[in-house]
Amino acid sequence: MTLNPESKYPNRRAYVLKLRGDATAEALAGRIENLVTGRQREFTSAFELLAAIASDLECAAAGRPADDAAG
């Protein structure tokens, strides 16, 4: 049996999600932070939350830093 050295859930893809006190299921709002890079991005909708994660993953795959304009 050979062990796979690559984690199924790498630390680079670990996030803290903080929801605002007034967030609801219909109106997500808060902040997401990558635990490894420390980059934070605020979001005001589920679409923006998913876009932030997608952008972070794309930047990591390309080996470039995420845009700092987003927070």
PDB file of N, CA and C in Angstrom:
ATOM      1  N   MET A   1       0.842  -1.184   0.000  1.00  0.00           N
ATOM      2  CA  MET A   1       0.000   0.000   0.000  1.00  0.00           C
ATOM      3  C   MET A   1       0.885   1.244   0.000  1.00  0.00           C
ATOM      4  N   THR A   2       0.639   2.145  -0.923  1.00  0.00           N
ATOM      5  CA  THR A   2       1.398   3.382  -1.024  1.00  0.00           C
ATOM      6  C   THR A   2       0.530   4.540  -0.551  1.00  0.00           C
ATOM      7  N   LEU A   3       1.094   5.353   0.340  1.00  0.00           N
ATOM      8  CA  LEU A   3       0.366   6.517   0.835  1.00  0.00           C
ATOM      9  C   LEU A   3       0.561   7.691  -0.109  1.00  0.00           C
ATOM     10  N   ASN A   4      -0.504   8.412  -0.346  1.00  0.00           N
ATOM     11  CA  ASN A   4      -0.448   9.588  -1.205  1.00  0.00           C
ATOM     12  C   ASN A   4       0.059  10.767  -0.370  1.00  0.00           C
ATOM     13  N   PRO A   5       1.190  11.393  -0.751  1.00  0.00           N
ATOM     14  CA  PRO A   5       1.722  12.511   0.026  1.00  0.00           C
ATOM     15  C   PRO A   5       0.894  13.792  -0.098  1.00  0.00           C
ATOM     16  N   GLU A   6       0.046  13.858  -1.118  1.00  0.00           N
ATOM     17  CA  GLU A   6      -0.794  15.033  -1.319  1.00  0.00           C
ATOM     18  C   GLU A   6      -2.078  14.886  -0.510  1.00  0.00           C
ATOM     19  N   SER A   7      -2.366  15.884   0.298  1.00  0.00           N
ATOM     20  CA  SER A   7      -3.581  15.871   1.102  1.00  0.00           C
ATOM     21  C   SER A   7      -4.806  16.092   0.224  1.00  0.00           C
ATOM     22  N   LYS A   8      -5.871  15.426   0.567  1.00  0.00           N
ATOM     23  CA  LYS A   8      -7.129  15.642  -0.148  1.00  0.00           C
ATOM     24  C   LYS A   8      -7.664  17.043   0.145  1.00  0.00           C
ATOM     25  N   TYR A   9      -7.317  17.576   1.314  1.00  0.00           N
ATOM     26  CA  TYR A   9      -7.747  18.910   1.728  1.00  0.00           C
ATOM     27  C   TYR A   9      -6.521  19.725   2.125  1.00  0.00           C
ATOM     28  N   PRO A  10      -5.796  20.288   1.154  1.00  0.00           N
ATOM     29  CA  PRO A  10      -4.564  21.020   1.472  1.00  0.00           C
ATOM     30  C   PRO A  10      -4.834  22.287   2.281  1.00  0.00           C
ATOM     31  N   ASN A  11      -3.889  22.623   3.140  1.00  0.00           N
ATOM     32  CA  ASN A  11      -4.011  23.812   3.985  1.00  0.00           C
ATOM     33  C   ASN A  11      -4.185  25.078   3.161  1.00  0.00           C
ATOM     34  N   ARG A  12      -3.620  25.137   1.979  1.00  0.00           N
ATOM     35  CA  ARG A  12      -3.708  26.332   1.132  1.00  0.00           C
ATOM     36  C   ARG A  12      -5.157  26.664   0.790  1.00  0.00           C
ATOM     37  N   ARG A  13      -6.023  25.672   0.927  1.00  0.00           N
ATOM     38  CA  ARG A  13      -7.438  25.869   0.594  1.00  0.00           C
ATOM     39  C   ARG A  13      -8.319  25.928   1.840  1.00  0.00           C
ATOM     40  N   ALA A  14      -7.730  26.348   2.946  1.00  0.00           N
ATOM     41  CA  ALA A  14      -8.487  26.481   4.193  1.00  0.00           C
ATOM     42  C   ALA A  14      -8.881  27.948   4.381  1.00  0.00           C
ATOM     43  N   TYR A  15     -10.132  28.165   4.738  1.00  0.00           N
ATOM     44  CA  TYR A  15     -10.667  29.514   4.876  1.00  0.00           C
ATOM     45  C   TYR A  15     -11.430  29.661   6.187  1.00  0.00           C
ATOM     46  N   VAL A  16     -11.483  30.886   6.661  1.00  0.00           N
ATOM     47  CA  VAL A  16     -12.381  31.249   7.749  1.00  0.00           C
ATOM     48  C   VAL A  16     -13.467  32.101   7.124  1.00  0.00           C
ATOM     49  N   LEU A  17     -14.696  31.743   7.410  1.00  0.00           N
ATOM     50  CA  LEU A  17     -15.837  32.480   6.890  1.00  0.00           C
ATOM     51  C   LEU A  17     -16.522  33.156   8.064  1.00  0.00           C
ATOM     52  N   LYS A  18     -16.611  34.478   8.012  1.00  0.00           N
ATOM     53  CA  LYS A  18     -17.285  35.246   9.058  1.00  0.00           C
ATOM     54  C   LYS A  18     -18.500  35.915   8.439  1.00  0.00           C
ATOM     55  N   LEU A  19     -19.671  35.574   8.951  1.00  0.00           N
ATOM     56  CA  LEU A  19     -20.898  36.168   8.448  1.00  0.00           C
ATOM     57  C   LEU A  19     -21.291  37.362   9.297  1.00  0.00           C
ATOM     58  N   ARG A  20     -21.784  38.397   8.651  1.00  0.00           N
ATOM     59  CA  ARG A  20     -22.256  39.574   9.374  1.00  0.00           C
ATOM     60  C   ARG A  20     -23.474  39.217  10.211  1.00  0.00           C
ATOM     61  N   GLY A  21     -23.722  40.001  11.240  1.00  0.00           N
ATOM     62  CA  GLY A  21     -24.850  39.750  12.124  1.00  0.00           C
ATOM     63  C   GLY A  21     -26.190  39.856  11.429  1.00  0.00           C
ATOM     64  N   ASP A  22     -26.255  40.669  10.372  1.00  0.00           N
ATOM     65  CA  ASP A  22     -27.524  40.840   9.663  1.00  0.00           C
ATOM     66  C   ASP A  22     -27.642  39.955   8.419  1.00  0.00           C
ATOM     67  N   ALA A  23     -26.703  39.015   8.241  1.00  0.00           N
ATOM     68  CA  ALA A  23     -26.751  38.123   7.084  1.00  0.00           C
ATOM     69  C   ALA A  23     -27.913  37.148   7.227  1.00  0.00           C
ATOM     70  N   THR A  24     -28.531  36.839   6.104  1.00  0.00           N
ATOM     71  CA  THR A  24     -29.606  35.842   6.065  1.00  0.00           C
ATOM     72  C   THR A  24     -29.302  34.855   4.949  1.00  0.00           C
ATOM     73  N   ALA A  25     -30.074  33.803   4.887  1.00  0.00           N
ATOM     74  CA  ALA A  25     -29.883  32.816   3.823  1.00  0.00           C
ATOM     75  C   ALA A  25     -30.078  33.440   2.449  1.00  0.00           C
ATOM     76  N   GLU A  26     -30.954  34.427   2.363  1.00  0.00           N
ATOM     77  CA  GLU A  26     -31.221  35.093   1.085  1.00  0.00           C
ATOM     78  C   GLU A  26     -30.238  36.223   0.796  1.00  0.00           C
ATOM     79  N   ALA A  27     -29.556  36.710   1.826  1.00  0.00           N
ATOM     80  CA  ALA A  27     -28.634  37.847   1.659  1.00  0.00           C
ATOM     81  C   ALA A  27     -27.368  37.602   2.471  1.00  0.00           C
ATOM     82  N   LEU A  28     -26.502  36.724   1.947  1.00  0.00           N
ATOM     83  CA  LEU A  28     -25.240  36.452   2.625  1.00  0.00           C
ATOM     84  C   LEU A  28     -24.352  37.680   2.574  1.00  0.00           C
ATOM     85  N   ALA A  29     -23.689  37.960   3.675  1.00  0.00           N
ATOM     86  CA  ALA A  29     -22.750  39.076   3.724  1.00  0.00           C
ATOM     87  C   ALA A  29     -21.736  38.772   4.810  1.00  0.00           C
ATOM     88  N   GLY A  30     -20.477  39.088   4.537  1.00  0.00           N
ATOM     89  CA  GLY A  30     -19.448  38.837   5.531  1.00  0.00           C
ATOM     90  C   GLY A  30     -18.064  38.981   4.951  1.00  0.00           C
ATOM     91  N   ARG A  31     -17.148  38.176   5.504  1.00  0.00           N
ATOM     92  CA  ARG A  31     -15.750  38.235   5.082  1.00  0.00           C
ATOM     93  C   ARG A  31     -15.195  36.818   5.042  1.00  0.00           C
ATOM     94  N   ILE A  32     -14.344  36.559   4.056  1.00  0.00           N
ATOM     95  CA  ILE A  32     -13.660  35.279   3.949  1.00  0.00           C
ATOM     96  C   ILE A  32     -12.163  35.553   4.031  1.00  0.00           C
ATOM     97  N   GLU A  33     -11.445  34.686   4.737  1.00  0.00           N
ATOM     98  CA  GLU A  33     -10.002  34.846   4.899  1.00  0.00           C
ATOM     99  C   GLU A  33      -9.309  33.524   4.627  1.00  0.00           C
ATOM    100  N   ASN A  34      -8.277  33.565   3.796  1.00  0.00           N
ATOM    101  CA  ASN A  34      -7.463  32.389   3.537  1.00  0.00           C
ATOM    102  C   ASN A  34      -6.511  32.213   4.717  1.00  0.00           C
ATOM    103  N   LEU A  35      -6.522  31.045   5.343  1.00  0.00           N
ATOM    104  CA  LEU A  35      -5.714  30.826   6.540  1.00  0.00           C
ATOM    105  C   LEU A  35      -4.218  30.811   6.278  1.00  0.00           C
ATOM    106  N   VAL A  36      -3.802  30.435   5.091  1.00  0.00           N
ATOM    107  CA  VAL A  36      -2.372  30.373   4.785  1.00  0.00           C
ATOM    108  C   VAL A  36      -1.830  31.729   4.359  1.00  0.00           C
ATOM    109  N   THR A  37      -2.533  32.399   3.450  1.00  0.00           N
ATOM    110  CA  THR A  37      -2.025  33.668   2.922  1.00  0.00           C
ATOM    111  C   THR A  37      -2.455  34.867   3.763  1.00  0.00           C
ATOM    112  N   GLY A  38      -3.543  34.714   4.511  1.00  0.00           N
ATOM    113  CA  GLY A  38      -4.061  35.825   5.302  1.00  0.00           C
ATOM    114  C   GLY A  38      -4.878  36.813   4.496  1.00  0.00           C
ATOM    115  N   ARG A  39      -5.038  36.561   3.207  1.00  0.00           N
ATOM    116  CA  ARG A  39      -5.821  37.482   2.375  1.00  0.00           C
ATOM    117  C   ARG A  39      -7.284  37.449   2.791  1.00  0.00           C
ATOM    118  N   GLN A  40      -7.868  38.627   2.872  1.00  0.00           N
ATOM    119  CA  GLN A  40      -9.267  38.760   3.259  1.00  0.00           C
ATOM    120  C   GLN A  40     -10.033  39.443   2.142  1.00  0.00           C
ATOM    121  N   ARG A  41     -11.293  39.069   2.029  1.00  0.00           N
ATOM    122  CA  ARG A  41     -12.157  39.696   1.034  1.00  0.00           C
ATOM    123  C   ARG A  41     -13.567  39.738   1.603  1.00  0.00           C
ATOM    124  N   GLU A  42     -14.195  40.892   1.506  1.00  0.00           N
ATOM    125  CA  GLU A  42     -15.577  41.025   1.949  1.00  0.00           C
ATOM    126  C   GLU A  42     -16.504  40.661   0.797  1.00  0.00           C
ATOM    127  N   PHE A  43     -17.691  40.164   1.151  1.00  0.00           N
ATOM    128  CA  PHE A  43     -18.682  39.806   0.146  1.00  0.00           C
ATOM    129  C   PHE A  43     -20.058  40.239   0.626  1.00  0.00           C
ATOM    130  N   THR A  44     -20.935  40.520  -0.323  1.00  0.00           N
ATOM    131  CA  THR A  44     -22.294  40.954   0.011  1.00  0.00           C
ATOM    132  C   THR A  44     -23.351  40.078  -0.652  1.00  0.00           C
ATOM    133  N   SER A  45     -22.922  38.937  -1.181  1.00  0.00           N
ATOM    134  CA  SER A  45     -23.865  37.996  -1.783  1.00  0.00           C
ATOM    135  C   SER A  45     -23.176  36.642  -1.906  1.00  0.00           C
ATOM    136  N   ALA A  46     -23.986  35.611  -2.100  1.00  0.00           N
ATOM    137  CA  ALA A  46     -23.437  34.274  -2.313  1.00  0.00           C
ATOM    138  C   ALA A  46     -22.567  34.263  -3.576  1.00  0.00           C
ATOM    139  N   PHE A  47     -22.986  35.005  -4.593  1.00  0.00           N
ATOM    140  CA  PHE A  47     -22.214  35.076  -5.834  1.00  0.00           C
ATOM    141  C   PHE A  47     -20.825  35.648  -5.562  1.00  0.00           C
ATOM    142  N   GLU A  48     -20.739  36.733  -4.788  1.00  0.00           N
ATOM    143  CA  GLU A  48     -19.447  37.335  -4.476  1.00  0.00           C
ATOM    144  C   GLU A  48     -18.582  36.398  -3.631  1.00  0.00           C
ATOM    145  N   LEU A  49     -19.191  35.639  -2.731  1.00  0.00           N
ATOM    146  CA  LEU A  49     -18.450  34.672  -1.922  1.00  0.00           C
ATOM    147  C   LEU A  49     -17.812  33.617  -2.820  1.00  0.00           C
ATOM    148  N   LEU A  50     -18.598  33.046  -3.716  1.00  0.00           N
ATOM    149  CA  LEU A  50     -18.060  32.035  -4.630  1.00  0.00           C
ATOM    150  C   LEU A  50     -17.025  32.619  -5.579  1.00  0.00           C
ATOM    151  N   ALA A  51     -17.225  33.848  -6.014  1.00  0.00           N
ATOM    152  CA  ALA A  51     -16.260  34.506  -6.901  1.00  0.00           C
ATOM    153  C   ALA A  51     -14.932  34.721  -6.170  1.00  0.00           C
ATOM    154  N   ALA A  52     -14.987  35.059  -4.890  1.00  0.00           N
ATOM    155  CA  ALA A  52     -13.767  35.265  -4.112  1.00  0.00           C
ATOM    156  C   ALA A  52     -12.980  33.970  -3.989  1.00  0.00           C
ATOM    157  N   ILE A  53     -13.679  32.876  -3.722  1.00  0.00           N
ATOM    158  CA  ILE A  53     -13.006  31.581  -3.616  1.00  0.00           C
ATOM    159  C   ILE A  53     -12.430  31.173  -4.962  1.00  0.00           C
ATOM    160  N   ALA A  54     -13.204  31.330  -6.018  1.00  0.00           N
ATOM    161  CA  ALA A  54     -12.735  30.969  -7.361  1.00  0.00           C
ATOM    162  C   ALA A  54     -11.512  31.779  -7.750  1.00  0.00           C
ATOM    163  N   SER A  55     -11.521  33.070  -7.460  1.00  0.00           N
ATOM    164  CA  SER A  55     -10.388  33.932  -7.779  1.00  0.00           C
ATOM    165  C   SER A  55      -9.134  33.489  -7.023  1.00  0.00           C
ATOM    166  N   ASP A  56      -9.298  33.169  -5.758  1.00  0.00           N
ATOM    167  CA  ASP A  56      -8.171  32.712  -4.947  1.00  0.00           C
ATOM    168  C   ASP A  56      -7.596  31.412  -5.498  1.00  0.00           C
ATOM    169  N   LEU A  57      -8.464  30.479  -5.880  1.00  0.00           N
ATOM    170  CA  LEU A  57      -8.000  29.207  -6.438  1.00  0.00           C
ATOM    171  C   LEU A  57      -7.295  29.404  -7.771  1.00  0.00           C
ATOM    172  N   GLU A  58      -7.824  30.292  -8.612  1.00  0.00           N
ATOM    173  CA  GLU A  58      -7.192  30.565  -9.900  1.00  0.00           C
ATOM    174  C   GLU A  58      -5.809  31.176  -9.717  1.00  0.00           C
ATOM    175  N   CYS A  59      -5.679  32.101  -8.775  1.00  0.00           N
ATOM    176  CA  CYS A  59      -4.389  32.741  -8.513  1.00  0.00           C
ATOM    177  C   CYS A  59      -3.378  31.733  -7.993  1.00  0.00           C
ATOM    178  N   ALA A  60      -3.822  30.850  -7.115  1.00  0.00           N
ATOM    179  CA  ALA A  60      -2.926  29.830  -6.572  1.00  0.00           C
ATOM    180  C   ALA A  60      -2.470  28.879  -7.676  1.00  0.00           C
ATOM    181  N   ALA A  61      -3.377  28.498  -8.561  1.00  0.00           N
ATOM    182  CA  ALA A  61      -3.030  27.591  -9.657  1.00  0.00           C
ATOM    183  C   ALA A  61      -2.055  28.242 -10.628  1.00  0.00           C
ATOM    184  N   ALA A  62      -2.178  29.555 -10.807  1.00  0.00           N
ATOM    185  CA  ALA A  62      -1.305  30.278 -11.727  1.00  0.00           C
ATOM    186  C   ALA A  62       0.010  30.688 -11.058  1.00  0.00           C
ATOM    187  N   GLY A  63       0.085  30.493  -9.735  1.00  0.00           N
ATOM    188  CA  GLY A  63       1.302  30.854  -9.020  1.00  0.00           C
ATOM    189  C   GLY A  63       1.492  32.344  -8.857  1.00  0.00           C
ATOM    190  N   ARG A  64       0.404  33.082  -8.850  1.00  0.00           N
ATOM    191  CA  ARG A  64       0.506  34.534  -8.682  1.00  0.00           C
ATOM    192  C   ARG A  64      -0.335  34.966  -7.487  1.00  0.00           C
ATOM    193  N   PRO A  65       0.004  36.100  -6.899  1.00  0.00           N
ATOM    194  CA  PRO A  65      -0.777  36.579  -5.743  1.00  0.00           C
ATOM    195  C   PRO A  65      -2.152  37.031  -6.179  1.00  0.00           C
ATOM    196  N   ALA A  66      -3.116  36.905  -5.255  1.00  0.00           N
ATOM    197  CA  ALA A  66      -4.468  37.395  -5.527  1.00  0.00           C
ATOM    198  C   ALA A  66      -4.439  38.898  -5.605  1.00  0.00           C
ATOM    199  N   ASP A  67      -5.397  39.471  -6.338  1.00  0.00           N
ATOM    200  CA  ASP A  67      -5.460  40.929  -6.452  1.00  0.00           C
ATOM    201  C   ASP A  67      -5.748  41.543  -5.089  1.00  0.00           C
ATOM    202  N   ASP A  68      -4.970  42.558  -4.731  1.00  0.00           N
ATOM    203  CA  ASP A  68      -5.132  43.223  -3.446  1.00  0.00           C
ATOM    204  C   ASP A  68      -6.230  44.258  -3.463  1.00  0.00           C
ATOM    205  N   ALA A  69      -6.759  44.574  -4.627  1.00  0.00           N
ATOM    206  CA  ALA A  69      -7.810  45.587  -4.721  1.00  0.00           C
ATOM    207  C   ALA A  69      -9.106  45.122  -4.080  1.00  0.00           C
ATOM    208  N   ALA A  70      -9.272  43.808  -3.986  1.00  0.00           N
ATOM    209  CA  ALA A  70     -10.518  43.286  -3.444  1.00  0.00           C
ATOM    210  C   ALA A  70     -10.525  43.260  -1.930  1.00  0.00           C
ATOM    211  N   GLY A  71      -9.447  43.582  -1.300  1.00  0.00           N
ATOM    212  CA  GLY A  71      -9.445  43.637   0.143  1.00  0.00           C
ATOM    213  C   GLY A  71      -8.603  42.592   0.718  1.00  0.00           C
TER     214      GLY A  71
END
